[in-house]
Amino acid sequence: MAPIPGSGLAKGLAVTLRTMTRKTVTEQYPDTQPDLPPRTRGVIGLFEENCTVCMLCARECPDWCIYIDSHKETVPPAAPGGRERSRNVLDRFAIDFSLCMYCGICIEVCPFDALFWSPEFEYAETDIRELTHERDKLREWMWTVPAPPALDPGAEEPKELAAARKTAEKLAATQQADQPQPGEGNT
């Protein structure tokens, strides 16, 4: 049996008529901001005070889009007779977001919690060269990073905290034992 001529057109018009009466689901983006879930991955924020210039983030980045420059600075000894120490000082920290694939490896490997996901996603530029954001811009995004979720009250205490608490309790107990008790003075 041969198809009736124009049946495809009639089916297409039927779909159009059916969907014309439904409410649209399109959000008018610039006018209406989307409701993003908490902890959304937008851009990477830098907490510069925690950065020790260990270069782990730049080494582990699969796109090589993190640029770090630093210099060594000599720190005087903490106590008289001690030796001078040197430390790295951050000169430049930049991320090229035209290369970044937002995998988050840099955030995961940072041992000092210097990098965080920010929910900001509106950072379009007209020139691709302006997508390399320096540490000033990355620092600005740090203030949009939400606080970490609260700990589960039913969870076990981390082993490190338990060990630190035991050590502190032992230290406090030995200090109390060393102090003279009231009424035990010299007579």
C-alpha atoms as a PDB file:
ATOM      1  CA  MET A   1       0.000   0.000   0.000  1.00  0.00           C
ATOM      2  CA  ALA A   2       1.430   3.357  -1.007  1.00  0.00           C
ATOM      3  CA  PRO A   3       1.489   6.248   1.479  1.00  0.00           C
ATOM      4  CA  ILE A   4      -1.066   8.964   0.925  1.00  0.00           C
ATOM      5  CA  PRO A   5       0.546  12.054  -0.598  1.00  0.00           C
ATOM      6  CA  GLY A   6       0.964  14.797   1.988  1.00  0.00           C
ATOM      7  CA  SER A   7       0.571  12.474   5.013  1.00  0.00           C
ATOM      8  CA  GLY A   8       4.038  13.452   6.318  1.00  0.00           C
ATOM      9  CA  LEU A   9       3.098  17.125   6.142  1.00  0.00           C
ATOM     10  CA  ALA A  10      -0.164  16.436   7.996  1.00  0.00           C
ATOM     11  CA  LYS A  11       1.686  14.537  10.761  1.00  0.00           C
ATOM     12  CA  GLY A  12       4.181  17.395  11.158  1.00  0.00           C
ATOM     13  CA  LEU A  13       1.390  19.969  11.394  1.00  0.00           C
ATOM     14  CA  ALA A  14      -0.396  17.813  13.968  1.00  0.00           C
ATOM     15  CA  VAL A  15       2.750  17.812  16.171  1.00  0.00           C
ATOM     16  CA  THR A  16       3.062  21.580  15.776  1.00  0.00           C
ATOM     17  CA  LEU A  17      -0.568  22.182  16.745  1.00  0.00           C
ATOM     18  CA  ARG A  18      -0.279  19.868  19.757  1.00  0.00           C
ATOM     19  CA  THR A  19       2.814  21.618  21.148  1.00  0.00           C
ATOM     20  CA  MET A  20       1.636  25.166  20.416  1.00  0.00           C
ATOM     21  CA  THR A  21      -0.896  25.051  23.232  1.00  0.00           C
ATOM     22  CA  ARG A  22       1.551  23.754  25.880  1.00  0.00           C
ATOM     23  CA  LYS A  23       3.387  26.014  28.289  1.00  0.00           C
ATOM     24  CA  THR A  24       7.006  26.647  27.252  1.00  0.00           C
ATOM     25  CA  VAL A  25       9.818  25.228  29.337  1.00  0.00           C
ATOM     26  CA  THR A  26      12.468  27.580  27.996  1.00  0.00           C
ATOM     27  CA  GLU A  27      13.988  29.825  30.637  1.00  0.00           C
ATOM     28  CA  GLN A  28      14.781  33.325  29.461  1.00  0.00           C
ATOM     29  CA  TYR A  29      18.379  33.191  30.736  1.00  0.00           C
ATOM     30  CA  PRO A  30      19.644  36.735  30.979  1.00  0.00           C
ATOM     31  CA  ASP A  31      16.388  37.909  32.524  1.00  0.00           C
ATOM     32  CA  THR A  32      15.834  34.858  34.727  1.00  0.00           C
ATOM     33  CA  GLN A  33      18.811  33.408  36.577  1.00  0.00           C
ATOM     34  CA  PRO A  34      18.881  29.600  36.715  1.00  0.00           C
ATOM     35  CA  ASP A  35      18.460  27.812  40.030  1.00  0.00           C
ATOM     36  CA  LEU A  36      21.801  26.056  40.334  1.00  0.00           C
ATOM     37  CA  PRO A  37      22.362  23.203  42.760  1.00  0.00           C
ATOM     38  CA  PRO A  38      24.653  23.922  45.687  1.00  0.00           C
ATOM     39  CA  ARG A  39      28.348  23.198  45.088  1.00  0.00           C
ATOM     40  CA  THR A  40      27.976  23.811  41.340  1.00  0.00           C
ATOM     41  CA  ARG A  41      31.203  23.694  39.326  1.00  0.00           C
ATOM     42  CA  GLY A  42      31.669  27.064  37.698  1.00  0.00           C
ATOM     43  CA  VAL A  43      35.196  28.460  37.781  1.00  0.00           C
ATOM     44  CA  ILE A  44      38.202  27.865  39.991  1.00  0.00           C
ATOM     45  CA  GLY A  45      38.834  30.246  42.872  1.00  0.00           C
ATOM     46  CA  LEU A  46      42.256  30.759  44.471  1.00  0.00           C
ATOM     47  CA  PHE A  47      42.781  31.156  48.216  1.00  0.00           C
ATOM     48  CA  GLU A  48      46.221  32.703  47.841  1.00  0.00           C
ATOM     49  CA  GLU A  49      47.194  32.547  51.523  1.00  0.00           C
ATOM     50  CA  ASN A  50      47.170  28.733  51.400  1.00  0.00           C
ATOM     51  CA  CYS A  51      49.257  28.428  48.217  1.00  0.00           C
ATOM     52  CA  THR A  52      52.816  27.248  48.935  1.00  0.00           C
ATOM     53  CA  VAL A  53      53.838  27.181  45.244  1.00  0.00           C
ATOM     54  CA  CYS A  54      54.285  23.401  45.349  1.00  0.00           C
ATOM     55  CA  MET A  55      53.305  23.300  41.636  1.00  0.00           C
ATOM     56  CA  LEU A  56      51.246  20.101  42.030  1.00  0.00           C
ATOM     57  CA  CYS A  57      48.207  21.660  40.373  1.00  0.00           C
ATOM     58  CA  ALA A  58      50.211  22.785  37.322  1.00  0.00           C
ATOM     59  CA  ARG A  59      51.975  19.424  36.999  1.00  0.00           C
ATOM     60  CA  GLU A  60      48.807  17.345  37.262  1.00  0.00           C
ATOM     61  CA  CYS A  61      46.712  19.496  34.920  1.00  0.00           C
ATOM     62  CA  PRO A  62      46.066  17.448  31.756  1.00  0.00           C
ATOM     63  CA  ASP A  63      45.636  20.625  29.672  1.00  0.00           C
ATOM     64  CA  TRP A  64      48.627  22.531  31.079  1.00  0.00           C
ATOM     65  CA  CYS A  65      46.436  25.594  31.523  1.00  0.00           C
ATOM     66  CA  ILE A  66      47.792  26.688  34.932  1.00  0.00           C
ATOM     67  CA  TYR A  67      50.703  29.126  34.909  1.00  0.00           C
ATOM     68  CA  ILE A  68      52.689  29.694  38.109  1.00  0.00           C
ATOM     69  CA  ASP A  69      55.727  31.913  38.635  1.00  0.00           C
ATOM     70  CA  SER A  70      57.530  32.301  41.940  1.00  0.00           C
ATOM     71  CA  HIS A  71      60.787  33.296  43.541  1.00  0.00           C
ATOM     72  CA  LYS A  72      62.658  32.198  46.647  1.00  0.00           C
ATOM     73  CA  GLU A  73      62.842  34.482  49.642  1.00  0.00           C
ATOM     74  CA  THR A  74      65.148  34.069  52.623  1.00  0.00           C
ATOM     75  CA  VAL A  75      63.463  34.052  56.015  1.00  0.00           C
ATOM     76  CA  PRO A  76      65.560  35.046  59.062  1.00  0.00           C
ATOM     77  CA  PRO A  77      66.016  32.454  61.803  1.00  0.00           C
ATOM     78  CA  ALA A  78      63.155  32.091  64.270  1.00  0.00           C
ATOM     79  CA  ALA A  79      65.510  31.894  67.255  1.00  0.00           C
ATOM     80  CA  PRO A  80      68.973  33.352  67.802  1.00  0.00           C
ATOM     81  CA  GLY A  81      71.622  30.959  66.555  1.00  0.00           C
ATOM     82  CA  GLY A  82      69.165  29.261  64.190  1.00  0.00           C
ATOM     83  CA  ARG A  83      69.680  28.986  60.493  1.00  0.00           C
ATOM     84  CA  GLU A  84      68.045  30.999  57.749  1.00  0.00           C
ATOM     85  CA  ARG A  85      65.369  29.293  55.729  1.00  0.00           C
ATOM     86  CA  SER A  86      64.054  29.923  52.254  1.00  0.00           C
ATOM     87  CA  ARG A  87      60.461  29.818  51.105  1.00  0.00           C
ATOM     88  CA  ASN A  88      58.685  30.175  47.786  1.00  0.00           C
ATOM     89  CA  VAL A  89      56.764  33.386  47.168  1.00  0.00           C
ATOM     90  CA  LEU A  90      53.976  33.418  44.602  1.00  0.00           C
ATOM     91  CA  ASP A  91      54.500  35.966  41.826  1.00  0.00           C
ATOM     92  CA  ARG A  92      51.926  34.820  39.269  1.00  0.00           C
ATOM     93  CA  PHE A  93      49.076  32.330  39.346  1.00  0.00           C
ATOM     94  CA  ALA A  94      46.906  32.245  36.224  1.00  0.00           C
ATOM     95  CA  ILE A  95      44.450  29.811  34.676  1.00  0.00           C
ATOM     96  CA  ASP A  96      43.683  29.859  30.963  1.00  0.00           C
ATOM     97  CA  PHE A  97      39.961  29.056  30.887  1.00  0.00           C
ATOM     98  CA  SER A  98      40.024  28.764  27.091  1.00  0.00           C
ATOM     99  CA  LEU A  99      42.069  25.563  27.606  1.00  0.00           C
ATOM    100  CA  CYS A 100      40.617  24.353  30.917  1.00  0.00           C
ATOM    101  CA  MET A 101      38.278  21.383  30.662  1.00  0.00           C
ATOM    102  CA  TYR A 102      36.958  21.814  34.242  1.00  0.00           C
ATOM    103  CA  CYS A 103      38.018  18.332  35.328  1.00  0.00           C
ATOM    104  CA  GLY A 104      38.877  19.487  38.871  1.00  0.00           C
ATOM    105  CA  ILE A 105      42.122  17.522  39.133  1.00  0.00           C
ATOM    106  CA  CYS A 106      43.978  20.655  40.259  1.00  0.00           C
ATOM    107  CA  ILE A 107      41.520  21.111  43.123  1.00  0.00           C
ATOM    108  CA  GLU A 108      41.766  17.471  44.180  1.00  0.00           C
ATOM    109  CA  VAL A 109      45.585  17.328  44.215  1.00  0.00           C
ATOM    110  CA  CYS A 110      46.127  20.606  46.102  1.00  0.00           C
ATOM    111  CA  PRO A 111      47.380  19.480  49.533  1.00  0.00           C
ATOM    112  CA  PHE A 112      46.922  22.920  51.090  1.00  0.00           C
ATOM    113  CA  ASP A 113      43.323  23.722  50.050  1.00  0.00           C
ATOM    114  CA  ALA A 114      44.267  26.707  47.918  1.00  0.00           C
ATOM    115  CA  LEU A 115      41.898  25.946  45.009  1.00  0.00           C
ATOM    116  CA  PHE A 116      38.101  25.690  45.190  1.00  0.00           C
ATOM    117  CA  TRP A 117      35.115  25.441  42.856  1.00  0.00           C
ATOM    118  CA  SER A 118      33.154  28.668  42.599  1.00  0.00           C
ATOM    119  CA  PRO A 119      29.570  28.599  41.277  1.00  0.00           C
ATOM    120  CA  GLU A 120      30.260  31.641  39.049  1.00  0.00           C
ATOM    121  CA  PHE A 121      29.671  30.788  35.414  1.00  0.00           C
ATOM    122  CA  GLU A 122      29.184  34.185  33.767  1.00  0.00           C
ATOM    123  CA  TYR A 123      32.672  35.142  32.679  1.00  0.00           C
ATOM    124  CA  ALA A 124      32.453  35.284  28.895  1.00  0.00           C
ATOM    125  CA  GLU A 125      34.941  37.444  27.019  1.00  0.00           C
ATOM    126  CA  THR A 126      34.940  38.807  23.482  1.00  0.00           C
ATOM    127  CA  ASP A 127      38.643  38.046  22.994  1.00  0.00           C
ATOM    128  CA  ILE A 128      40.024  34.572  23.705  1.00  0.00           C
ATOM    129  CA  ARG A 129      43.231  36.094  25.109  1.00  0.00           C
ATOM    130  CA  GLU A 130      41.202  37.623  27.940  1.00  0.00           C
ATOM    131  CA  LEU A 131      40.158  34.174  29.200  1.00  0.00           C
ATOM    132  CA  THR A 132      43.504  33.820  30.981  1.00  0.00           C
ATOM    133  CA  HIS A 133      42.560  35.018  34.442  1.00  0.00           C
ATOM    134  CA  GLU A 134      45.298  36.137  36.813  1.00  0.00           C
ATOM    135  CA  ARG A 135      45.344  35.644  40.575  1.00  0.00           C
ATOM    136  CA  ASP A 136      43.437  38.878  41.280  1.00  0.00           C
ATOM    137  CA  LYS A 137      40.399  37.623  39.383  1.00  0.00           C
ATOM    138  CA  LEU A 138      40.767  34.114  40.847  1.00  0.00           C
ATOM    139  CA  ARG A 139      40.900  35.659  44.339  1.00  0.00           C
ATOM    140  CA  GLU A 140      37.661  37.575  43.660  1.00  0.00           C
ATOM    141  CA  TRP A 141      35.880  34.334  42.839  1.00  0.00           C
ATOM    142  CA  MET A 142      36.979  32.852  46.158  1.00  0.00           C
ATOM    143  CA  TRP A 143      34.349  34.947  47.961  1.00  0.00           C
ATOM    144  CA  THR A 144      31.568  33.221  45.999  1.00  0.00           C
ATOM    145  CA  VAL A 145      32.631  29.736  47.131  1.00  0.00           C
ATOM    146  CA  PRO A 146      29.945  28.297  49.425  1.00  0.00           C
ATOM    147  CA  ALA A 147      30.851  26.950  52.835  1.00  0.00           C
ATOM    148  CA  PRO A 148      31.495  23.206  52.964  1.00  0.00           C
ATOM    149  CA  PRO A 149      28.538  21.037  53.932  1.00  0.00           C
ATOM    150  CA  ALA A 150      28.104  20.353  57.632  1.00  0.00           C
ATOM    151  CA  LEU A 151      29.555  17.172  59.030  1.00  0.00           C
ATOM    152  CA  ASP A 152      27.199  14.295  59.619  1.00  0.00           C
ATOM    153  CA  PRO A 153      26.467  14.236  63.378  1.00  0.00           C
ATOM    154  CA  GLY A 154      26.362  10.421  63.354  1.00  0.00           C
ATOM    155  CA  ALA A 155      29.741  10.010  61.639  1.00  0.00           C
ATOM    156  CA  GLU A 156      32.851   8.785  63.420  1.00  0.00           C
ATOM    157  CA  GLU A 157      35.371  11.355  64.510  1.00  0.00           C
ATOM    158  CA  PRO A 158      38.424  11.454  62.195  1.00  0.00           C
ATOM    159  CA  LYS A 159      41.398   9.491  63.535  1.00  0.00           C
ATOM    160  CA  GLU A 160      43.639  12.555  63.436  1.00  0.00           C
ATOM    161  CA  LEU A 161      41.257  14.560  65.631  1.00  0.00           C
ATOM    162  CA  ALA A 162      40.889  11.682  68.092  1.00  0.00           C
ATOM    163  CA  ALA A 163      44.684  11.314  68.356  1.00  0.00           C
ATOM    164  CA  ALA A 164      45.139  15.076  68.817  1.00  0.00           C
ATOM    165  CA  ARG A 165      42.433  15.154  71.503  1.00  0.00           C
ATOM    166  CA  LYS A 166      44.093  12.262  73.430  1.00  0.00           C
ATOM    167  CA  THR A 167      47.471  13.996  73.265  1.00  0.00           C
ATOM    168  CA  ALA A 168      45.966  17.275  74.490  1.00  0.00           C
ATOM    169  CA  GLU A 169      44.165  15.507  77.357  1.00  0.00           C
ATOM    170  CA  LYS A 170      47.390  13.739  78.413  1.00  0.00           C
ATOM    171  CA  LEU A 171      49.296  17.022  78.286  1.00  0.00           C
ATOM    172  CA  ALA A 172      46.623  18.787  80.349  1.00  0.00           C
ATOM    173  CA  ALA A 173      46.616  15.945  82.886  1.00  0.00           C
ATOM    174  CA  THR A 174      50.417  16.054  83.324  1.00  0.00           C
ATOM    175  CA  GLN A 175      50.340  19.840  83.694  1.00  0.00           C
ATOM    176  CA  GLN A 176      47.647  19.586  86.385  1.00  0.00           C
ATOM    177  CA  ALA A 177      49.644  16.907  88.216  1.00  0.00           C
ATOM    178  CA  ASP A 178      52.750  19.118  88.210  1.00  0.00           C
ATOM    179  CA  GLN A 179      50.911  22.116  89.742  1.00  0.00           C
ATOM    180  CA  PRO A 180      50.649  22.207  93.556  1.00  0.00           C
ATOM    181  CA  GLN A 181      47.155  21.538  94.860  1.00  0.00           C
ATOM    182  CA  PRO A 182      45.492  24.087  97.211  1.00  0.00           C
ATOM    183  CA  GLY A 183      46.406  23.319 100.813  1.00  0.00           C
ATOM    184  CA  GLU A 184      49.664  21.617  99.804  1.00  0.00           C
ATOM    185  CA  GLY A 185      51.826  24.692 100.247  1.00  0.00           C
ATOM    186  CA  ASN A 186      55.127  25.029 102.068  1.00  0.00           C
ATOM    187  CA  THR A 187      54.690  25.086 105.843  1.00  0.00           C
END
